[in-house]
C-alpha atoms as a PDB file:
ATOM      1  CA  MET A   1     -13.846  -0.797  -2.124  1.00  0.00           C
ATOM      2  CA  LYS A   2     -15.271  -4.404  -0.958  1.00  0.00           C
ATOM      3  CA  ASP A   3     -13.876  -5.427   2.611  1.00  0.00           C
ATOM      4  CA  ILE A   4     -11.680  -2.352   3.740  1.00  0.00           C
ATOM      5  CA  GLY A   5     -13.076  -3.132   6.882  1.00  0.00           C
ATOM      6  CA  ASN A   6     -10.827  -6.057   7.127  1.00  0.00           C
ATOM      7  CA  LEU A   7      -7.151  -3.862   6.470  1.00  0.00           C
ATOM      8  CA  LYS A   8      -4.473  -4.351   8.907  1.00  0.00           C
ATOM      9  CA  LEU A   9      -4.311  -0.316   9.323  1.00  0.00           C
ATOM     10  CA  HIS A  10      -3.223   1.186  12.600  1.00  0.00           C
ATOM     11  CA  ASP A  11      -2.202   4.433  13.571  1.00  0.00           C
ATOM     12  CA  VAL A  12       1.521   5.519  14.773  1.00  0.00           C
ATOM     13  CA  GLU A  13       3.181   8.830  15.278  1.00  0.00           C
ATOM     14  CA  GLY A  14       2.940  10.747  12.425  1.00  0.00           C
ATOM     15  CA  GLY A  15       0.612   8.701   9.852  1.00  0.00           C
ATOM     16  CA  CYS A  16      -0.621   5.763  10.033  1.00  0.00           C
ATOM     17  CA  VAL A  17       0.628   1.526   9.004  1.00  0.00           C
ATOM     18  CA  LEU A  18      -0.824  -0.386   6.033  1.00  0.00           C
ATOM     19  CA  ALA A  19      -0.472  -3.976   5.215  1.00  0.00           C
ATOM     20  CA  VAL A  20       0.391  -5.060   1.962  1.00  0.00           C
ATOM     21  CA  LYS A  21       0.781  -8.250  -0.079  1.00  0.00           C
ATOM     22  CA  ALA A  22       2.608  -7.542  -3.345  1.00  0.00           C
ATOM     23  CA  VAL A  23       2.468  -8.988  -6.676  1.00  0.00           C
ATOM     24  CA  PRO A  24       5.281  -8.120  -8.568  1.00  0.00           C
ATOM     25  CA  GLY A  25       4.943  -8.632 -12.804  1.00  0.00           C
ATOM     26  CA  ALA A  26       1.652  -8.071 -13.109  1.00  0.00           C
ATOM     27  CA  SER A  27       0.519  -6.521 -16.783  1.00  0.00           C
ATOM     28  CA  ARG A  28      -0.484  -3.002 -15.248  1.00  0.00           C
ATOM     29  CA  ASP A  29      -0.022  -1.354 -12.232  1.00  0.00           C
ATOM     30  CA  ARG A  30      -3.174  -1.093  -9.913  1.00  0.00           C
ATOM     31  CA  ILE A  31      -4.903  -1.597  -6.505  1.00  0.00           C
ATOM     32  CA  VAL A  32      -6.534  -5.164  -7.151  1.00  0.00           C
ATOM     33  CA  GLY A  33      -8.780  -5.246  -3.857  1.00  0.00           C
ATOM     34  CA  VAL A  34      -8.520  -6.490  -0.217  1.00  0.00           C
ATOM     35  CA  LEU A  35      -7.200 -10.120   0.853  1.00  0.00           C
ATOM     36  CA  GLY A  36      -7.682 -10.996   3.927  1.00  0.00           C
ATOM     37  CA  ASP A  37      -6.066  -8.167   6.368  1.00  0.00           C
ATOM     38  CA  CYS A  38      -4.099  -6.611   3.689  1.00  0.00           C
ATOM     39  CA  LEU A  39      -4.477  -4.270   0.284  1.00  0.00           C
ATOM     40  CA  LYS A  40      -3.407  -6.703  -2.589  1.00  0.00           C
ATOM     41  CA  VAL A  41      -1.289  -4.142  -4.795  1.00  0.00           C
ATOM     42  CA  ALA A  42      -0.141  -5.301  -8.548  1.00  0.00           C
ATOM     43  CA  VAL A  43       2.706  -3.603  -9.992  1.00  0.00           C
ATOM     44  CA  SER A  44       4.539  -4.589 -13.416  1.00  0.00           C
ATOM     45  CA  ALA A  45       7.778  -3.862 -11.895  1.00  0.00           C
ATOM     46  CA  ALA A  46      10.336  -6.999 -11.271  1.00  0.00           C
ATOM     47  CA  PRO A  47      11.070  -7.645  -7.475  1.00  0.00           C
ATOM     48  CA  GLU A  48      14.785  -6.618  -7.876  1.00  0.00           C
ATOM     49  CA  LYS A  49      16.807  -4.216  -6.191  1.00  0.00           C
ATOM     50  CA  GLY A  50      13.566  -2.488  -4.907  1.00  0.00           C
ATOM     51  CA  LYS A  51      11.940  -1.609  -8.114  1.00  0.00           C
ATOM     52  CA  ALA A  52       8.986  -3.304  -7.014  1.00  0.00           C
ATOM     53  CA  ASN A  53       8.546  -1.851  -3.508  1.00  0.00           C
ATOM     54  CA  ALA A  54       9.183   1.552  -5.299  1.00  0.00           C
ATOM     55  CA  ALA A  55       6.105   1.044  -7.707  1.00  0.00           C
ATOM     56  CA  ILE A  56       3.719  -0.225  -4.833  1.00  0.00           C
ATOM     57  CA  ALA A  57       4.671   2.811  -3.128  1.00  0.00           C
ATOM     58  CA  THR A  58       3.813   5.029  -6.285  1.00  0.00           C
ATOM     59  CA  VAL A  59       0.287   3.132  -6.634  1.00  0.00           C
ATOM     60  CA  LEU A  60      -0.533   3.786  -3.311  1.00  0.00           C
ATOM     61  CA  ALA A  61       0.651   7.279  -3.120  1.00  0.00           C
ATOM     62  CA  SER A  62      -1.725   8.202  -6.115  1.00  0.00           C
ATOM     63  CA  ALA A  63      -4.571   6.321  -4.681  1.00  0.00           C
ATOM     64  CA  LEU A  64      -4.111   7.900  -1.351  1.00  0.00           C
ATOM     65  CA  GLY A  65      -4.016  11.971  -3.192  1.00  0.00           C
ATOM     66  CA  CYS A  66      -0.572  12.192  -1.183  1.00  0.00           C
ATOM     67  CA  ASP A  67       3.256  12.748  -2.387  1.00  0.00           C
ATOM     68  CA  ARG A  68       5.310   9.614  -3.356  1.00  0.00           C
ATOM     69  CA  ARG A  69       7.722  10.692  -0.041  1.00  0.00           C
ATOM     70  CA  SER A  70       4.673   9.958   2.118  1.00  0.00           C
ATOM     71  CA  VAL A  71       4.722   6.447   1.738  1.00  0.00           C
ATOM     72  CA  THR A  72       7.609   4.450   3.115  1.00  0.00           C
ATOM     73  CA  LEU A  73       8.040   0.583   3.133  1.00  0.00           C
ATOM     74  CA  THR A  74       8.902   0.117   6.650  1.00  0.00           C
ATOM     75  CA  SER A  75       9.050  -3.985   6.892  1.00  0.00           C
ATOM     76  CA  GLY A  76       9.042  -6.878   4.388  1.00  0.00           C
ATOM     77  CA  PRO A  77      11.454  -5.620   1.806  1.00  0.00           C
ATOM     78  CA  THR A  78      12.064  -8.829   0.158  1.00  0.00           C
ATOM     79  CA  ALA A  79       8.473 -10.499   1.116  1.00  0.00           C
ATOM     80  CA  PRO A  80       5.175 -10.604  -0.381  1.00  0.00           C
ATOM     81  CA  ARG A  81       3.812  -9.580   2.638  1.00  0.00           C
ATOM     82  CA  LYS A  82       5.265  -5.954   3.514  1.00  0.00           C
ATOM     83  CA  GLU A  83       4.123  -2.777   5.821  1.00  0.00           C
ATOM     84  CA  PHE A  84       4.354   0.790   4.266  1.00  0.00           C
ATOM     85  CA  LEU A  85       3.999   3.821   6.611  1.00  0.00           C
ATOM     86  CA  ILE A  86       1.859   6.716   5.147  1.00  0.00           C
ATOM     87  CA  THR A  87       2.876  10.074   6.746  1.00  0.00           C
ATOM     88  CA  GLY A  88       0.533  12.516   7.480  1.00  0.00           C
ATOM     89  CA  LEU A  89      -2.745  10.437   7.166  1.00  0.00           C
ATOM     90  CA  SER A  90      -4.562   8.557   9.695  1.00  0.00           C
ATOM     91  CA  ALA A  91      -5.565   5.194   9.171  1.00  0.00           C
ATOM     92  CA  GLU A  92      -9.404   6.617   9.328  1.00  0.00           C
ATOM     93  CA  GLU A  93      -8.274   8.643   6.534  1.00  0.00           C
ATOM     94  CA  VAL A  94      -6.546   6.099   4.306  1.00  0.00           C
ATOM     95  CA  ARG A  95      -9.641   3.822   4.654  1.00  0.00           C
ATOM     96  CA  GLN A  96     -11.875   6.674   3.198  1.00  0.00           C
ATOM     97  CA  ARG A  97      -9.614   7.863   0.360  1.00  0.00           C
ATOM     98  CA  LEU A  98      -9.596   3.835  -0.034  1.00  0.00           C
ATOM     99  CA  THR A  99     -13.068   3.802  -0.439  1.00  0.00           C
ATOM    100  CA  ARG A 100     -13.660   6.032  -3.010  1.00  0.00           C
ATOM    101  CA  GLU A 101     -10.620   4.209  -5.030  1.00  0.00           C
END
């Protein structure tokens, strides 16, 4: 994935935090690429009652090869820019796994 080094990704106790730019209501669920310092993720779910946030977490878990429960929204529940905690993976591991994506 191009520009993976620009991602805002930092280690915290037990995992790392990843910045995401959410695009709800897209035609399909996918990781679009890097936008500035965020990972741009498009999902078909509507931005209502947390549906899009749950879909983004599922897309991230699938791309990173981890359990869905390991991906948790930590900030920005109603904003386009969000942060997700990836439990059990370091920032470097996330970068490596996204590079293979």
